[in-house]
Protein backbone atom coordinates (compact mmCIF):
# COMPACT_ATOMS: atom_id res chain seq x y z
CA MET A 1 1.44 7.15 -22.68
CA MET A 2 -0.56 4.55 -20.75
CA ARG A 3 -2.62 5.54 -17.24
CA GLU A 4 -1.40 4.15 -14.48
CA ARG A 5 -4.01 1.43 -13.25
CA LEU A 6 -4.24 2.03 -9.49
CA PRO A 7 -6.04 0.11 -7.24
CA HIS A 8 -9.61 1.18 -5.82
CA PRO A 9 -8.46 2.84 -2.66
CA GLU A 10 -6.25 5.04 -4.18
CA ARG A 11 -8.65 6.16 -6.25
CA HIS A 12 -9.70 9.69 -4.29
CA GLU A 13 -10.13 13.09 -4.39
CA HIS A 14 -7.41 14.83 -2.32
CA SER A 15 -9.24 18.23 -1.92
CA PRO A 16 -9.04 19.51 1.53
CA ALA A 17 -12.64 18.45 2.27
CA GLU A 18 -12.24 14.73 0.71
CA ILE A 19 -9.34 14.41 2.98
CA ALA A 20 -11.12 15.59 5.96
CA SER A 21 -14.16 13.39 4.96
CA ARG A 22 -12.12 10.30 4.71
CA LEU A 23 -10.13 10.80 7.90
CA GLU A 24 -13.13 11.53 10.09
CA GLN A 25 -14.02 7.85 9.02
CA ALA A 26 -12.35 4.57 11.19
CA PRO A 27 -10.00 2.45 9.33
CA ARG A 28 -11.98 -0.11 7.53
CA PRO A 29 -10.43 -4.02 8.05
CA SER A 30 -10.37 -6.50 5.22
CA TYR A 31 -11.68 -9.75 5.20
CA LEU A 32 -10.29 -10.57 1.35
CA ARG A 33 -7.81 -12.91 2.83
CA ASP A 34 -10.94 -14.78 4.62
CA PHE A 35 -13.10 -15.01 1.43
CA VAL A 36 -9.73 -16.12 -0.54
CA TYR A 37 -8.37 -18.98 1.48
CA GLY A 38 -11.97 -20.04 1.94
CA GLY A 39 -12.93 -19.88 -1.49
CA ILE A 40 -9.92 -21.76 -2.78
CA ASP A 41 -10.04 -24.43 0.15
CA GLY A 42 -13.72 -24.98 -0.25
CA ALA A 43 -12.97 -25.72 -4.19
CA ILE A 44 -9.59 -27.95 -3.55
CA THR A 45 -11.31 -30.04 -0.75
CA THR A 46 -14.65 -30.65 -2.56
CA PHE A 47 -12.69 -31.10 -5.72
CA ALA A 48 -10.75 -33.89 -3.56
CA ILE A 49 -13.61 -35.74 -2.35
CA ALA A 50 -15.50 -35.92 -5.57
CA ALA A 51 -11.68 -37.17 -7.34
CA GLY A 52 -11.53 -39.85 -4.59
CA ALA A 53 -15.44 -41.17 -4.74
CA TRP A 54 -15.53 -40.94 -8.46
CA GLY A 55 -11.86 -42.78 -8.84
CA ALA A 56 -13.53 -45.53 -6.43
CA GLN A 57 -16.11 -45.84 -9.24
CA PHE A 58 -18.99 -44.71 -6.56
CA SER A 59 -22.25 -43.14 -8.08
CA SER A 60 -22.90 -39.60 -8.57
CA ARG A 61 -25.20 -39.45 -5.88
CA THR A 62 -22.59 -40.89 -3.12
CA VAL A 63 -19.95 -38.20 -4.67
CA ILE A 64 -22.91 -35.66 -3.71
CA ILE A 65 -23.52 -36.75 -0.54
CA LEU A 66 -19.95 -36.61 0.21
CA GLY A 67 -19.25 -33.31 -1.13
CA LEU A 68 -22.46 -31.72 0.83
CA ALA A 69 -20.87 -33.47 4.00
CA ASN A 70 -17.74 -31.62 3.26
CA LEU A 71 -19.21 -28.50 2.67
CA LEU A 72 -21.14 -28.16 5.69
CA ALA A 73 -18.80 -30.26 8.17
CA ASP A 74 -15.41 -28.48 6.93
CA GLY A 75 -16.69 -25.50 6.28
CA PHE A 76 -18.29 -24.98 9.49
CA SER A 77 -14.91 -26.23 10.88
CA MET A 78 -12.44 -23.91 8.90
CA ALA A 79 -14.93 -20.52 10.24
CA ALA A 80 -14.82 -21.79 13.96
CA SER A 81 -11.16 -22.14 13.76
CA ASN A 82 -10.81 -18.63 11.56
CA TYR A 83 -13.24 -17.23 14.64
CA LEU A 84 -11.47 -18.80 17.27
CA GLY A 85 -7.89 -17.29 15.71
CA GLY A 86 -9.41 -13.77 15.57
CA LYS A 87 -10.75 -14.00 19.19
CA ALA A 88 -7.18 -15.29 20.27
CA GLU A 89 -5.56 -12.10 18.72
CA GLN A 90 -8.31 -9.78 20.23
CA ASP A 91 -7.31 -11.19 23.64
CA GLU A 92 -3.49 -10.61 22.54
CA VAL A 93 -4.44 -7.37 22.01
CA LYS A 94 -5.94 -6.52 24.88
CA ARG A 95 -3.24 -7.79 26.98
CA LEU A 96 -0.60 -5.82 25.29
CA LYS A 97 -2.79 -2.89 25.49
CA ALA A 98 -3.05 -3.61 29.51
CA VAL A 99 0.41 -4.02 29.63
CA GLU A 100 0.89 -0.77 27.89
CA GLU A 101 -1.42 0.89 30.63
CA ARG A 102 0.15 -0.46 33.29
CA HIS A 103 3.73 1.15 31.94
CA VAL A 104 2.44 4.84 31.36
CA ALA A 105 1.06 4.85 34.82
CA THR A 106 3.95 3.45 36.54
CA VAL A 107 6.85 4.46 34.31
CA PRO A 108 5.70 7.38 32.22
CA GLN A 109 9.24 8.55 31.40
CA GLY A 110 10.60 5.20 29.90
CA GLU A 111 7.39 5.36 27.53
CA ARG A 112 8.46 9.26 26.92
CA GLU A 113 11.98 8.01 25.75
CA GLU A 114 10.43 4.91 23.94
CA ILE A 115 8.16 7.34 21.66
CA ARG A 116 11.09 9.53 21.00
CA GLN A 117 13.60 7.14 19.93
CA ILE A 118 10.29 5.14 17.72
CA PHE A 119 10.39 8.54 15.84
CA ALA A 120 13.84 9.64 16.02
CA ARG A 121 14.37 6.13 14.02
CA LYS A 122 11.38 7.64 11.36
CA GLY A 123 13.76 10.48 10.77
CA VAL A 124 11.96 12.98 13.19
CA LYS A 125 14.83 15.07 14.80
CA GLY A 126 15.31 18.24 16.74
CA PRO A 127 12.22 20.72 17.97
CA ALA A 128 10.00 18.81 15.78
CA LEU A 129 10.76 15.17 17.59
CA GLY A 130 10.22 17.34 20.73
CA ALA A 131 7.12 18.16 19.33
CA VAL A 132 5.76 15.40 18.24
CA VAL A 133 6.43 13.13 21.12
CA GLY A 134 4.86 15.72 23.71
CA ALA A 135 1.82 15.98 21.25
CA ILE A 136 1.40 12.04 21.48
CA THR A 137 2.27 12.10 25.56
CA SER A 138 -0.13 14.32 25.84
CA ASP A 139 -3.69 12.14 25.26
CA ARG A 140 -3.55 8.81 27.12
CA GLU A 141 -5.01 7.20 24.63
CA ARG A 142 -3.29 8.26 22.15
CA TRP A 143 -0.04 7.52 23.70
CA ILE A 144 -1.19 3.56 24.20
CA ASP A 145 -2.50 3.51 20.87
CA THR A 146 0.94 4.52 19.05
CA MET A 147 2.83 2.21 21.11
CA LEU A 148 0.41 -0.65 20.34
CA VAL A 149 0.84 0.01 16.50
CA GLU A 150 4.53 0.69 16.80
CA GLU A 151 6.00 -1.53 19.28
CA TYR A 152 3.87 -4.36 18.75
CA GLY A 153 2.69 -3.87 15.46
CA VAL A 154 -0.98 -3.83 16.21
CA SER A 155 -3.57 -3.12 13.48
CA PRO A 156 -5.08 0.35 13.72
CA ALA A 157 -8.40 -1.54 12.24
CA PRO A 158 -9.54 -4.50 14.00
CA ARG A 159 -10.59 -7.31 12.16
CA SER A 160 -13.80 -8.75 13.91
CA PRO A 161 -13.77 -12.90 14.25
CA ARG A 162 -17.06 -12.77 13.56
CA THR A 163 -16.99 -11.34 9.83
CA SER A 164 -14.21 -13.23 9.60
CA ALA A 165 -15.27 -16.33 10.08
CA ALA A 166 -18.70 -15.51 8.34
CA ALA A 167 -16.68 -14.55 5.35
CA THR A 168 -14.80 -17.96 5.27
CA PHE A 169 -17.83 -19.92 5.45
CA LEU A 170 -19.34 -18.43 2.68
CA ALA A 171 -16.66 -18.77 0.18
CA PHE A 172 -16.15 -22.06 1.31
CA VAL A 173 -19.72 -23.27 0.38
CA VAL A 174 -19.88 -21.27 -2.88
CA CYS A 175 -16.87 -22.30 -4.22
CA GLY A 176 -17.01 -25.40 -2.85
CA THR A 177 -20.51 -26.14 -4.55
CA VAL A 178 -18.84 -25.83 -7.98
CA PRO A 179 -17.17 -28.77 -8.43
CA LEU A 180 -20.11 -30.86 -7.50
CA LEU A 181 -22.84 -29.03 -9.98
CA PRO A 182 -21.58 -31.60 -13.01
CA PHE A 183 -22.70 -34.49 -10.47
CA LEU A 184 -25.68 -32.97 -9.51
CA PHE A 185 -26.72 -32.77 -12.90
CA GLY A 186 -26.12 -35.87 -14.40
CA ASN A 187 -23.63 -34.84 -16.84
CA GLU A 188 -22.11 -38.34 -18.54
CA SER A 189 -18.59 -36.55 -17.86
CA PRO A 190 -19.11 -35.04 -14.52
CA PHE A 191 -15.73 -35.69 -13.15
CA PHE A 192 -13.79 -33.73 -16.34
CA LEU A 193 -16.52 -30.95 -15.97
CA ALA A 194 -15.90 -31.06 -12.08
CA ALA A 195 -11.68 -30.19 -13.11
CA CYS A 196 -12.78 -27.77 -15.54
CA PHE A 197 -15.10 -25.61 -13.21
CA THR A 198 -12.86 -25.83 -10.09
CA GLY A 199 -10.09 -24.13 -12.85
CA ILE A 200 -12.40 -21.32 -13.62
CA THR A 201 -13.10 -21.07 -10.05
CA PHE A 202 -9.77 -20.46 -9.04
CA PHE A 203 -9.41 -18.24 -11.87
CA VAL A 204 -12.39 -15.88 -11.25
CA ILE A 205 -11.31 -15.92 -7.69
CA GLY A 206 -8.15 -14.11 -8.73
CA ALA A 207 -9.07 -12.20 -10.89
CA GLY A 208 -11.61 -10.67 -8.59
CA LYS A 209 -8.93 -10.35 -5.66
CA SER A 210 -7.05 -8.32 -8.32
CA ARG A 211 -9.43 -5.21 -7.76
CA TRP A 212 -7.43 -4.77 -4.44
CA SER A 213 -4.14 -5.52 -6.48
CA PRO A 214 -1.97 -3.73 -8.69
CA SER A 215 -1.49 -6.54 -10.96
CA PRO A 216 -4.16 -6.72 -14.37
CA TRP A 217 -7.18 -9.14 -13.51
CA TRP A 218 -5.96 -11.85 -15.93
CA MET A 219 -2.46 -11.91 -14.40
CA SER A 220 -3.55 -12.71 -11.07
CA GLY A 221 -6.17 -15.03 -12.19
CA LEU A 222 -3.91 -16.53 -14.00
CA TYR A 223 -1.39 -16.95 -10.63
CA THR A 224 -4.56 -18.00 -8.46
CA LEU A 225 -5.20 -20.65 -11.19
CA ALA A 226 -1.59 -22.16 -11.31
CA VAL A 227 -1.45 -22.04 -7.54
CA GLY A 228 -4.94 -23.49 -6.88
CA SER A 229 -4.49 -26.08 -9.55
CA ILE A 230 -1.17 -27.59 -8.48
CA ALA A 231 -2.89 -28.17 -4.99
CA ALA A 232 -5.79 -29.89 -6.48
CA ALA A 233 -3.43 -31.75 -8.24
CA VAL A 234 -2.41 -33.10 -5.39
CA ALA A 235 -5.39 -33.72 -3.41
CA PHE A 236 -6.59 -35.38 -6.78
CA LEU A 237 -3.30 -37.66 -6.70
CA VAL A 238 -3.82 -38.63 -3.23
CA GLY A 239 -7.62 -39.29 -3.46
CA HIS A 240 -6.86 -41.37 -6.68
CA LEU A 241 -3.82 -43.60 -5.16
CA LEU A 242 -6.19 -44.15 -1.69
CA ALA A 243 -9.32 -45.19 -3.72
């Protein structure tokens, strides 16, 4: 029988010592979304610029200059936007935490009732429900953290705005450089190779993110290639028409 393919986080031991060791560590946020977002966007926008410039019969040197300008300007813009979005998210969590701290201090019985109803909806009943409510509300920080997660959907593993921005910028620049490589090396058919390299970039990004997905690497790669190719085709058509 074929063995089940498990994502990396699920391949760990379940001995008491291993479980205790894992639980002692703080939850680690994932920045995969930022990297995939930056990589796909970097490849698409640079390819679009190369397509428009090449369609307008600009020289390879001009294509490279426009592409590099896009890499730095648009990459920094995306990173800055991601950073500011992350900061806004952090500020929202701080505001919600202040609200819950005020509620716990002024209307503790109401907050206890919220905890009781939250876990009752999860199927906890009878004495067990009273024990859960008592255990959670006996510690102020645990009480507030539980309310943030259960009532507002705040992630227990907050993402760093700086790391998100850095992941987006790095992926944008690395993947966005790929469509420019044929122009850098003076190939006779740079645009055709740029299109091929861009497609390969999409596939590699998809295959790489399969490490965190239950899908096989080739399926994840083909899916990302299909979605990225559609976006690149739209960008090419727009650039070609405007050229």
